[in-house]
Structures are given as structure tokens and as C-alpha cells.
Amino acid sequence: MKKGLGEFERRLFAYLQMRGQTVLRAGELRKPLSLSAESERKLLYRLAKAGWIARVKRGLYLAPSNLP
């Protein structure tokens, strides 16, 4: 698991915690985080690969309510 979080990762978790969300769908982050579709895809892929979020199915992810 990745030890530190980058800027986009921190912004994503701050956004999710602020909204009280644990379910994340592809496409939801583009406007609030000012990401392109490609950047969002890469961000979700990196987080899932590192174990920070869980991929349920294509375009649907689960995030922890609190970070360890």
C-alpha cells in the first residue's frame, strides 16, 4: 500500500468526507475536482491498485469513511 497521498488523492478523500460518501462512481469527480476524464480514470486506478479504495465493478468504487 502506498504510504503517502498526493494532492489529487487528498482532494478526493476530503471531498468524499465532506459529502459523507463512501460510494463513488466514475464521472462524479470531474467537475468538483476539476479533472479530465483521463485524469479521473488514472486517479481511481492508482487508488484501487494501492488499496485505498475498492473497485466493485467497472465505474463503481467503495472508499473508507475514515482514513487510517
Protein backbone atom coordinates (compact mmCIF):
# COMPACT_ATOMS: atom_id res chain seq x y z
CA MET A 1 0.00 0.00 0.00
CA LYS A 2 1.20 3.47 -0.83
CA LYS A 3 2.39 5.33 2.27
CA GLY A 4 1.60 8.91 1.33
CA LEU A 5 -1.15 10.61 -0.61
CA GLY A 6 -0.60 13.09 -3.39
CA GLU A 7 -2.53 16.30 -3.98
CA PHE A 8 -5.32 14.74 -6.03
CA GLU A 9 -5.71 11.84 -3.63
CA ARG A 10 -6.02 14.21 -0.66
CA ARG A 11 -8.57 16.32 -2.55
CA LEU A 12 -10.60 13.22 -3.42
CA PHE A 13 -10.76 11.97 0.19
CA ALA A 14 -11.50 15.46 1.52
CA TYR A 15 -14.37 15.77 -0.97
CA LEU A 16 -15.78 12.35 -0.05
CA GLN A 17 -15.54 13.02 3.69
CA MET A 18 -17.11 16.46 3.32
CA ARG A 19 -20.06 14.91 1.45
CA GLY A 20 -20.24 11.86 3.74
CA GLN A 21 -19.92 9.49 0.77
CA THR A 22 -18.41 6.03 0.69
CA VAL A 23 -19.75 5.01 -2.73
CA LEU A 24 -18.02 6.62 -5.69
CA ARG A 25 -18.99 6.39 -9.34
CA ALA A 26 -16.76 7.25 -12.27
CA GLY A 27 -17.66 10.68 -13.60
CA GLU A 28 -18.60 12.20 -10.23
CA LEU A 29 -15.19 13.75 -9.62
CA ARG A 30 -14.63 15.58 -12.88
CA LYS A 31 -16.46 18.79 -12.07
CA PRO A 32 -15.84 19.17 -8.29
CA LEU A 33 -12.12 18.35 -8.55
CA SER A 34 -11.59 19.92 -12.00
CA LEU A 35 -10.29 16.70 -13.53
CA SER A 36 -10.36 15.49 -17.08
CA ALA A 37 -11.87 12.09 -17.81
CA GLU A 38 -8.39 10.61 -18.29
CA SER A 39 -7.06 12.12 -15.05
CA GLU A 40 -10.04 10.80 -13.11
CA ARG A 41 -9.60 7.32 -14.58
CA LYS A 42 -5.90 7.26 -13.68
CA LEU A 43 -6.60 8.57 -10.16
CA LEU A 44 -9.19 5.87 -9.46
CA TYR A 45 -6.92 3.19 -10.95
CA ARG A 46 -3.97 4.28 -8.78
CA LEU A 47 -6.06 4.35 -5.60
CA ALA A 48 -7.61 0.95 -6.30
CA LYS A 49 -4.25 -0.59 -7.12
CA ALA A 50 -2.72 0.83 -3.92
CA GLY A 51 -5.61 -0.49 -1.83
CA TRP A 52 -7.06 2.86 -0.73
CA ILE A 53 -10.38 2.22 -2.46
CA ALA A 54 -12.08 -0.98 -3.60
CA ARG A 55 -13.35 -1.49 -7.14
CA VAL A 56 -16.75 -3.18 -7.02
CA LYS A 57 -17.34 -3.20 -10.76
CA ARG A 58 -16.48 -1.05 -13.71
CA GLY A 59 -17.10 2.57 -12.70
CA LEU A 60 -18.17 1.79 -9.12
CA TYR A 61 -15.82 2.10 -6.14
CA LEU A 62 -16.03 1.96 -2.36
CA ALA A 63 -13.97 4.33 -0.25
CA PRO A 64 -13.37 4.15 3.51
CA SER A 65 -15.39 6.55 5.63
CA ASN A 66 -12.26 7.38 7.67
CA LEU A 67 -8.65 7.05 6.64
CA PRO A 68 -6.34 5.02 8.91
